[in-house]
Amino acid sequence: MDAGTLGAISTVLVMVAFFGVCWWAFAPKRKKRFEEDAKLPFADDDATGKEHEQNDHPGDDSDRRN
């Protein structure tokens, strides 16, 4: 087995792995889960928004001045 054959085999294996990942990611039965996961970064915006309303200037240290 020479370098050309090994290169061809590795190319085919990587291509099969790529298509497998694409099939897994875009399978219709996983669509709902991925849509829910896409919203996770925004799930706690309400909680953090309320904290920021209470503290008008979080970087303001005027309360600590002597």
PDB file of N, CA and C in Angstrom:
ATOM      1  N   MET A   1       0.849  -1.165   0.000  1.00  0.00           N
ATOM      2  CA  MET A   1       0.000   0.000   0.000  1.00  0.00           C
ATOM      3  C   MET A   1       0.902   1.238   0.000  1.00  0.00           C
ATOM      4  N   ASP A   2       0.698   2.103  -0.976  1.00  0.00           N
ATOM      5  CA  ASP A   2       1.544   3.287  -1.070  1.00  0.00           C
ATOM      6  C   ASP A   2       0.826   4.519  -0.510  1.00  0.00           C
ATOM      7  N   ALA A   3       1.498   5.661  -0.564  1.00  0.00           N
ATOM      8  CA  ALA A   3       0.970   6.887   0.025  1.00  0.00           C
ATOM      9  C   ALA A   3      -0.300   7.355  -0.692  1.00  0.00           C
ATOM     10  N   GLY A   4      -0.395   7.117  -1.971  1.00  0.00           N
ATOM     11  CA  GLY A   4      -1.589   7.529  -2.723  1.00  0.00           C
ATOM     12  C   GLY A   4      -2.829   6.771  -2.273  1.00  0.00           C
ATOM     13  N   THR A   5      -2.661   5.487  -2.020  1.00  0.00           N
ATOM     14  CA  THR A   5      -3.785   4.669  -1.564  1.00  0.00           C
ATOM     15  C   THR A   5      -4.228   5.085  -0.163  1.00  0.00           C
ATOM     16  N   LEU A   6      -3.267   5.308   0.718  1.00  0.00           N
ATOM     17  CA  LEU A   6      -3.613   5.761   2.065  1.00  0.00           C
ATOM     18  C   LEU A   6      -4.300   7.124   2.041  1.00  0.00           C
ATOM     19  N   GLY A   7      -3.848   7.987   1.170  1.00  0.00           N
ATOM     20  CA  GLY A   7      -4.483   9.300   1.032  1.00  0.00           C
ATOM     21  C   GLY A   7      -5.918   9.176   0.539  1.00  0.00           C
ATOM     22  N   ALA A   8      -6.145   8.281  -0.406  1.00  0.00           N
ATOM     23  CA  ALA A   8      -7.498   8.081  -0.928  1.00  0.00           C
ATOM     24  C   ALA A   8      -8.414   7.490   0.137  1.00  0.00           C
ATOM     25  N   ILE A   9      -7.918   6.519   0.884  1.00  0.00           N
ATOM     26  CA  ILE A   9      -8.725   5.904   1.945  1.00  0.00           C
ATOM     27  C   ILE A   9      -9.064   6.927   3.023  1.00  0.00           C
ATOM     28  N   SER A  10      -8.096   7.736   3.426  1.00  0.00           N
ATOM     29  CA  SER A  10      -8.364   8.743   4.454  1.00  0.00           C
ATOM     30  C   SER A  10      -9.333   9.797   3.955  1.00  0.00           C
ATOM     31  N   THR A  11      -9.246  10.159   2.682  1.00  0.00           N
ATOM     32  CA  THR A  11     -10.184  11.125   2.114  1.00  0.00           C
ATOM     33  C   THR A  11     -11.611  10.586   2.144  1.00  0.00           C
ATOM     34  N   VAL A  12     -11.763   9.332   1.769  1.00  0.00           N
ATOM     35  CA  VAL A  12     -13.089   8.714   1.776  1.00  0.00           C
ATOM     36  C   VAL A  12     -13.625   8.629   3.208  1.00  0.00           C
ATOM     37  N   LEU A  13     -12.795   8.251   4.167  1.00  0.00           N
ATOM     38  CA  LEU A  13     -13.247   8.164   5.556  1.00  0.00           C
ATOM     39  C   LEU A  13     -13.663   9.521   6.110  1.00  0.00           C
ATOM     40  N   VAL A  14     -12.903  10.552   5.816  1.00  0.00           N
ATOM     41  CA  VAL A  14     -13.246  11.892   6.279  1.00  0.00           C
ATOM     42  C   VAL A  14     -14.538  12.369   5.614  1.00  0.00           C
ATOM     43  N   MET A  15     -14.713  12.056   4.341  1.00  0.00           N
ATOM     44  CA  MET A  15     -15.934  12.437   3.637  1.00  0.00           C
ATOM     45  C   MET A  15     -17.154  11.731   4.233  1.00  0.00           C
ATOM     46  N   VAL A  16     -17.024  10.448   4.549  1.00  0.00           N
ATOM     47  CA  VAL A  16     -18.117   9.703   5.165  1.00  0.00           C
ATOM     48  C   VAL A  16     -18.442  10.294   6.545  1.00  0.00           C
ATOM     49  N   ALA A  17     -17.425  10.639   7.315  1.00  0.00           N
ATOM     50  CA  ALA A  17     -17.649  11.245   8.628  1.00  0.00           C
ATOM     51  C   ALA A  17     -18.348  12.596   8.484  1.00  0.00           C
ATOM     52  N   PHE A  18     -17.942  13.389   7.509  1.00  0.00           N
ATOM     53  CA  PHE A  18     -18.561  14.695   7.277  1.00  0.00           C
ATOM     54  C   PHE A  18     -20.034  14.552   6.944  1.00  0.00           C
ATOM     55  N   PHE A  19     -20.354  13.647   6.023  1.00  0.00           N
ATOM     56  CA  PHE A  19     -21.753  13.447   5.661  1.00  0.00           C
ATOM     57  C   PHE A  19     -22.550  12.862   6.826  1.00  0.00           C
ATOM     58  N   GLY A  20     -21.923  12.053   7.650  1.00  0.00           N
ATOM     59  CA  GLY A  20     -22.601  11.530   8.836  1.00  0.00           C
ATOM     60  C   GLY A  20     -22.958  12.632   9.818  1.00  0.00           C
ATOM     61  N   VAL A  21     -22.047  13.553  10.043  1.00  0.00           N
ATOM     62  CA  VAL A  21     -22.313  14.677  10.942  1.00  0.00           C
ATOM     63  C   VAL A  21     -23.401  15.577  10.344  1.00  0.00           C
ATOM     64  N   CYS A  22     -23.338  15.816   9.042  1.00  0.00           N
ATOM     65  CA  CYS A  22     -24.377  16.631   8.397  1.00  0.00           C
ATOM     66  C   CYS A  22     -25.745  15.962   8.509  1.00  0.00           C
ATOM     67  N   TRP A  23     -25.800  14.660   8.283  1.00  0.00           N
ATOM     68  CA  TRP A  23     -27.063  13.941   8.404  1.00  0.00           C
ATOM     69  C   TRP A  23     -27.585  14.033   9.837  1.00  0.00           C
ATOM     70  N   TRP A  24     -26.698  13.861  10.818  1.00  0.00           N
ATOM     71  CA  TRP A  24     -27.106  13.935  12.218  1.00  0.00           C
ATOM     72  C   TRP A  24     -27.636  15.327  12.568  1.00  0.00           C
ATOM     73  N   ALA A  25     -26.953  16.362  12.101  1.00  0.00           N
ATOM     74  CA  ALA A  25     -27.322  17.726  12.465  1.00  0.00           C
ATOM     75  C   ALA A  25     -28.618  18.182  11.800  1.00  0.00           C
ATOM     76  N   PHE A  26     -28.883  17.718  10.598  1.00  0.00           N
ATOM     77  CA  PHE A  26     -30.038  18.205   9.854  1.00  0.00           C
ATOM     78  C   PHE A  26     -31.175  17.199   9.768  1.00  0.00           C
ATOM     79  N   ALA A  27     -31.136  16.156  10.564  1.00  0.00           N
ATOM     80  CA  ALA A  27     -32.222  15.175  10.574  1.00  0.00           C
ATOM     81  C   ALA A  27     -33.492  15.844  11.109  1.00  0.00           C
ATOM     82  N   PRO A  28     -34.608  15.624  10.468  1.00  0.00           N
ATOM     83  CA  PRO A  28     -35.858  16.281  10.888  1.00  0.00           C
ATOM     84  C   PRO A  28     -36.276  15.970  12.326  1.00  0.00           C
ATOM     85  N   LYS A  29     -35.957  14.796  12.821  1.00  0.00           N
ATOM     86  CA  LYS A  29     -36.400  14.465  14.179  1.00  0.00           C
ATOM     87  C   LYS A  29     -35.635  15.236  15.250  1.00  0.00           C
ATOM     88  N   ARG A  30     -34.524  15.872  14.909  1.00  0.00           N
ATOM     89  CA  ARG A  30     -33.748  16.648  15.872  1.00  0.00           C
ATOM     90  C   ARG A  30     -34.014  18.150  15.780  1.00  0.00           C
ATOM     91  N   LYS A  31     -34.865  18.556  14.863  1.00  0.00           N
ATOM     92  CA  LYS A  31     -35.098  19.980  14.628  1.00  0.00           C
ATOM     93  C   LYS A  31     -35.633  20.684  15.876  1.00  0.00           C
ATOM     94  N   LYS A  32     -36.607  20.108  16.552  1.00  0.00           N
ATOM     95  CA  LYS A  32     -37.191  20.743  17.728  1.00  0.00           C
ATOM     96  C   LYS A  32     -36.146  20.930  18.830  1.00  0.00           C
ATOM     97  N   ARG A  33     -35.324  19.906  19.056  1.00  0.00           N
ATOM     98  CA  ARG A  33     -34.292  20.001  20.097  1.00  0.00           C
ATOM     99  C   ARG A  33     -33.307  21.113  19.785  1.00  0.00           C
ATOM    100  N   PHE A  34     -32.861  21.199  18.532  1.00  0.00           N
ATOM    101  CA  PHE A  34     -31.886  22.220  18.169  1.00  0.00           C
ATOM    102  C   PHE A  34     -32.498  23.620  18.231  1.00  0.00           C
ATOM    103  N   GLU A  35     -33.795  23.752  17.917  1.00  0.00           N
ATOM    104  CA  GLU A  35     -34.437  25.056  18.035  1.00  0.00           C
ATOM    105  C   GLU A  35     -34.510  25.486  19.497  1.00  0.00           C
ATOM    106  N   GLU A  36     -34.804  24.552  20.394  1.00  0.00           N
ATOM    107  CA  GLU A  36     -34.825  24.865  21.824  1.00  0.00           C
ATOM    108  C   GLU A  36     -33.425  25.211  22.325  1.00  0.00           C
ATOM    109  N   ASP A  37     -32.425  24.466  21.872  1.00  0.00           N
ATOM    110  CA  ASP A  37     -31.048  24.742  22.282  1.00  0.00           C
ATOM    111  C   ASP A  37     -30.567  26.098  21.774  1.00  0.00           C
ATOM    112  N   ALA A  38     -31.055  26.511  20.613  1.00  0.00           N
ATOM    113  CA  ALA A  38     -30.648  27.798  20.058  1.00  0.00           C
ATOM    114  C   ALA A  38     -31.160  28.959  20.901  1.00  0.00           C
ATOM    115  N   LYS A  39     -32.241  28.741  21.657  1.00  0.00           N
ATOM    116  CA  LYS A  39     -32.816  29.798  22.480  1.00  0.00           C
ATOM    117  C   LYS A  39     -32.202  29.858  23.879  1.00  0.00           C
ATOM    118  N   LEU A  40     -31.365  28.914  24.241  1.00  0.00           N
ATOM    119  CA  LEU A  40     -30.785  28.866  25.586  1.00  0.00           C
ATOM    120  C   LEU A  40     -30.017  30.130  25.996  1.00  0.00           C
ATOM    121  N   PRO A  41     -29.222  30.738  25.120  1.00  0.00           N
ATOM    122  CA  PRO A  41     -28.500  31.940  25.554  1.00  0.00           C
ATOM    123  C   PRO A  41     -29.422  33.083  25.971  1.00  0.00           C
ATOM    124  N   PHE A  42     -30.660  33.078  25.475  1.00  0.00           N
ATOM    125  CA  PHE A  42     -31.592  34.151  25.776  1.00  0.00           C
ATOM    126  C   PHE A  42     -32.559  33.788  26.899  1.00  0.00           C
ATOM    127  N   ALA A  43     -32.436  32.607  27.459  1.00  0.00           N
ATOM    128  CA  ALA A  43     -33.393  32.131  28.453  1.00  0.00           C
ATOM    129  C   ALA A  43     -33.335  32.917  29.754  1.00  0.00           C
ATOM    130  N   ASP A  44     -32.179  33.403  30.150  1.00  0.00           N
ATOM    131  CA  ASP A  44     -32.078  34.111  31.425  1.00  0.00           C
ATOM    132  C   ASP A  44     -31.994  35.627  31.251  1.00  0.00           C
ATOM    133  N   ASP A  45     -32.368  36.144  30.099  1.00  0.00           N
ATOM    134  CA  ASP A  45     -32.338  37.586  29.890  1.00  0.00           C
ATOM    135  C   ASP A  45     -33.293  38.318  30.820  1.00  0.00           C
ATOM    136  N   ASP A  46     -34.442  37.737  31.129  1.00  0.00           N
ATOM    137  CA  ASP A  46     -35.392  38.387  32.029  1.00  0.00           C
ATOM    138  C   ASP A  46     -34.795  38.547  33.421  1.00  0.00           C
ATOM    139  N   ALA A  47     -34.124  37.525  33.910  1.00  0.00           N
ATOM    140  CA  ALA A  47     -33.543  37.580  35.255  1.00  0.00           C
ATOM    141  C   ALA A  47     -32.409  38.601  35.316  1.00  0.00           C
ATOM    142  N   THR A  48     -31.544  38.627  34.332  1.00  0.00           N
ATOM    143  CA  THR A  48     -30.431  39.576  34.363  1.00  0.00           C
ATOM    144  C   THR A  48     -30.903  40.984  34.076  1.00  0.00           C
ATOM    145  N   GLY A  49     -31.972  41.143  33.311  1.00  0.00           N
ATOM    146  CA  GLY A  49     -32.509  42.465  33.044  1.00  0.00           C
ATOM    147  C   GLY A  49     -33.021  43.124  34.304  1.00  0.00           C
ATOM    148  N   LYS A  50     -33.634  42.365  35.196  1.00  0.00           N
ATOM    149  CA  LYS A  50     -34.146  42.913  36.444  1.00  0.00           C
ATOM    150  C   LYS A  50     -33.006  43.337  37.362  1.00  0.00           C
ATOM    151  N   GLU A  51     -31.911  42.597  37.343  1.00  0.00           N
ATOM    152  CA  GLU A  51     -30.761  42.964  38.176  1.00  0.00           C
ATOM    153  C   GLU A  51     -30.167  44.287  37.717  1.00  0.00           C
ATOM    154  N   HIS A  52     -30.102  44.486  36.407  1.00  0.00           N
ATOM    155  CA  HIS A  52     -29.511  45.711  35.882  1.00  0.00           C
ATOM    156  C   HIS A  52     -30.411  46.919  36.115  1.00  0.00           C
ATOM    157  N   GLU A  53     -31.725  46.702  36.203  1.00  0.00           N
ATOM    158  CA  GLU A  53     -32.619  47.813  36.482  1.00  0.00           C
ATOM    159  C   GLU A  53     -32.421  48.333  37.895  1.00  0.00           C
ATOM    160  N   GLN A  54     -32.123  47.462  38.828  1.00  0.00           N
ATOM    161  CA  GLN A  54     -31.937  47.869  40.207  1.00  0.00           C
ATOM    162  C   GLN A  54     -30.655  48.667  40.381  1.00  0.00           C
ATOM    163  N   ASN A  55     -29.642  48.338  39.636  1.00  0.00           N
ATOM    164  CA  ASN A  55     -28.343  48.989  39.741  1.00  0.00           C
ATOM    165  C   ASN A  55     -28.143  49.846  38.506  1.00  0.00           C
ATOM    166  N   ASP A  56     -28.449  51.158  38.607  1.00  0.00           N
ATOM    167  CA  ASP A  56     -28.414  52.033  37.443  1.00  0.00           C
ATOM    168  C   ASP A  56     -27.034  52.116  36.808  1.00  0.00           C
ATOM    169  N   HIS A  57     -26.004  52.243  37.624  1.00  0.00           N
ATOM    170  CA  HIS A  57     -24.643  52.380  37.117  1.00  0.00           C
ATOM    171  C   HIS A  57     -23.757  51.356  37.813  1.00  0.00           C
ATOM    172  N   PRO A  58     -23.642  50.159  37.259  1.00  0.00           N
ATOM    173  CA  PRO A  58     -22.870  49.128  37.950  1.00  0.00           C
ATOM    174  C   PRO A  58     -21.395  49.483  38.106  1.00  0.00           C
ATOM    175  N   GLY A  59     -20.847  50.291  37.238  1.00  0.00           N
ATOM    176  CA  GLY A  59     -19.447  50.657  37.341  1.00  0.00           C
ATOM    177  C   GLY A  59     -19.210  51.899  38.176  1.00  0.00           C
ATOM    178  N   ASP A  60     -20.288  52.549  38.608  1.00  0.00           N
ATOM    179  CA  ASP A  60     -20.182  53.786  39.359  1.00  0.00           C
ATOM    180  C   ASP A  60     -19.816  53.489  40.817  1.00  0.00           C
ATOM    181  N   ASP A  61     -18.721  54.035  41.283  1.00  0.00           N
ATOM    182  CA  ASP A  61     -18.288  53.785  42.653  1.00  0.00           C
ATOM    183  C   ASP A  61     -18.455  55.031  43.518  1.00  0.00           C
ATOM    184  N   SER A  62     -19.450  55.866  43.197  1.00  0.00           N
ATOM    185  CA  SER A  62     -19.645  57.101  43.953  1.00  0.00           C
ATOM    186  C   SER A  62     -20.086  56.823  45.376  1.00  0.00           C
ATOM    187  N   ASP A  63     -20.675  55.648  45.659  1.00  0.00           N
ATOM    188  CA  ASP A  63     -21.084  55.310  47.010  1.00  0.00           C
ATOM    189  C   ASP A  63     -19.889  55.034  47.901  1.00  0.00           C
ATOM    190  N   ARG A  64     -18.744  54.704  47.324  1.00  0.00           N
ATOM    191  CA  ARG A  64     -17.566  54.337  48.102  1.00  0.00           C
ATOM    192  C   ARG A  64     -16.653  55.528  48.391  1.00  0.00           C
ATOM    193  N   ARG A  65     -16.974  56.673  47.883  1.00  0.00           N
ATOM    194  CA  ARG A  65     -16.118  57.845  48.108  1.00  0.00           C
ATOM    195  C   ARG A  65     -16.188  58.289  49.556  1.00  0.00           C
ATOM    196  N   ASN A  66     -15.087  58.764  50.082  1.00  0.00           N
ATOM    197  CA  ASN A  66     -15.045  59.223  51.475  1.00  0.00           C
ATOM    198  C   ASN A  66     -15.356  60.680  51.569  1.00  0.00           C
TER     199      ASN A  66
END
